[in-house]
Structures are given as C-alpha cells and as structure tokens.
Amino acid sequence: MVGAVLVFAMGFGLPVAVIGAALGQGRAAAAALEGVARQPDAAGDIRSLLIVSLALIESLVIYALLIFFMLYSKLPMVLQQAGSAMGVH
C-alpha cells in the first residue's frame, strides 16, 4: 500500500507542480505585458518585478523536483519492506 502511494505521488506530483508553475508564469508574463502596454514608462520596474516573481515560481518547481528525487531514492527500500511484509522474497 505504501509503495503504491509513493509511486502515485512520484508520478502525479511533479507534473502537477510543473503544470501549475507554467500556468503561473504565463499569467505573470501576460499581466506584465499588459502593465507595460498601459504604462510604458514603468517598463523597467515591471520587468524587474517580473524576473523576481518568475524566479520564485521556478524555485517551487525545483523544490518539487528535489522531493521527487528524494522519494525516488526511497522507492526500492519501501518496495522491499512491503514485499517482505507480504512474504514475497
């Protein structure tokens, strides 16, 4: 049971994080372009804020990737323990 939950979390969690980040980055870029179109004089400030916000969004995906690799490294141990608990060698 634990192995199945771990495999599901690995296979489902990272794509959800990447899709969410892509949607967030798209919305942030669209809002920045709209802001520049309305106030061309503020383009420099908007650009710097956009870069910082995109970096923060991307850092969340990097954390999700790190957790994916941590779970992936635990998978053989979890499956071995689950197999020994069920009497499978």
Protein backbone atom coordinates (compact mmCIF):
# COMPACT_ATOMS: atom_id res chain seq x y z
CA MET A 1 0.00 0.00 0.00
CA VAL A 2 2.76 2.42 0.94
CA GLY A 3 4.63 1.62 -2.27
CA ALA A 4 1.55 2.37 -4.37
CA VAL A 5 1.04 5.71 -2.65
CA LEU A 6 4.70 6.56 -3.15
CA VAL A 7 4.59 5.67 -6.84
CA PHE A 8 1.38 7.69 -7.27
CA ALA A 9 2.92 10.70 -5.52
CA MET A 10 6.00 10.50 -7.71
CA GLY A 11 4.07 10.11 -10.95
CA PHE A 12 1.42 12.68 -10.21
CA GLY A 13 3.07 15.31 -8.03
CA LEU A 14 5.83 16.53 -10.31
CA PRO A 15 3.65 17.00 -13.42
CA VAL A 16 1.07 18.90 -11.35
CA ALA A 17 3.81 21.17 -10.00
CA VAL A 18 5.20 21.80 -13.47
CA ILE A 19 1.77 22.50 -14.97
CA GLY A 20 0.91 24.85 -12.12
CA ALA A 21 4.19 26.70 -12.49
CA ALA A 22 3.75 27.01 -16.26
CA LEU A 23 0.27 28.45 -15.79
CA GLY A 24 1.54 30.84 -13.13
CA GLN A 25 4.43 32.00 -15.28
CA GLY A 26 2.10 32.54 -18.22
CA ARG A 27 -0.28 34.61 -16.16
CA ALA A 28 2.59 36.64 -14.68
CA ALA A 29 4.04 37.35 -18.12
CA ALA A 30 0.62 38.30 -19.51
CA ALA A 31 -0.01 40.67 -16.61
CA ALA A 32 3.45 42.23 -17.06
CA LEU A 33 2.89 42.77 -20.77
CA GLU A 34 -0.50 44.28 -20.07
CA GLY A 35 1.06 46.58 -17.49
CA VAL A 36 3.76 47.70 -19.91
CA ALA A 37 1.12 48.34 -22.57
CA ARG A 38 -0.81 50.56 -20.16
CA GLN A 39 2.22 52.33 -18.65
CA PRO A 40 5.22 52.21 -20.99
CA ASP A 41 7.21 54.44 -18.63
CA ALA A 42 7.10 51.77 -15.92
CA ALA A 43 8.56 49.04 -18.15
CA GLY A 44 11.84 48.82 -16.21
CA ASP A 45 10.14 48.39 -12.84
CA ILE A 46 7.65 45.89 -14.23
CA ARG A 47 10.44 43.89 -15.88
CA SER A 48 12.46 43.63 -12.67
CA LEU A 49 9.42 42.58 -10.66
CA LEU A 50 8.54 40.03 -13.34
CA ILE A 51 12.01 38.49 -13.22
CA VAL A 52 11.88 38.17 -9.43
CA SER A 53 8.40 36.64 -9.49
CA LEU A 54 9.36 34.17 -12.25
CA ALA A 55 12.42 33.13 -10.25
CA LEU A 56 10.24 32.47 -7.19
CA ILE A 57 7.76 30.44 -9.23
CA GLU A 58 10.59 28.41 -10.77
CA SER A 59 12.10 27.76 -7.34
CA LEU A 60 8.90 25.98 -6.34
CA VAL A 61 9.31 23.61 -9.29
CA ILE A 62 12.91 22.98 -8.27
CA TYR A 63 11.71 22.08 -4.76
CA ALA A 64 9.15 19.69 -6.28
CA LEU A 65 11.91 18.11 -8.37
CA LEU A 66 14.07 17.73 -5.27
CA ILE A 67 11.23 16.00 -3.42
CA PHE A 68 10.67 13.76 -6.47
CA PHE A 69 14.30 12.61 -6.35
CA MET A 70 14.10 12.08 -2.59
CA LEU A 71 11.00 9.90 -2.99
CA TYR A 72 12.58 8.07 -5.93
CA SER A 73 15.60 7.16 -3.81
CA LYS A 74 13.31 5.71 -1.11
CA LEU A 75 11.23 3.62 -3.53
CA PRO A 76 13.40 0.44 -3.62
CA MET A 77 13.58 0.33 0.18
CA VAL A 78 9.81 0.80 0.55
CA LEU A 79 9.03 -1.86 -2.04
CA GLN A 80 11.48 -4.29 -0.42
CA GLN A 81 9.92 -3.76 3.00
CA ALA A 82 6.42 -4.13 1.57
CA GLY A 83 7.45 -7.35 -0.18
CA SER A 84 8.99 -8.81 2.96
CA ALA A 85 5.91 -7.89 4.98
CA MET A 86 3.75 -9.77 2.49
CA GLY A 87 6.09 -12.76 2.48
CA VAL A 88 7.44 -12.17 -1.04
CA HIS A 89 11.21 -12.52 -1.45
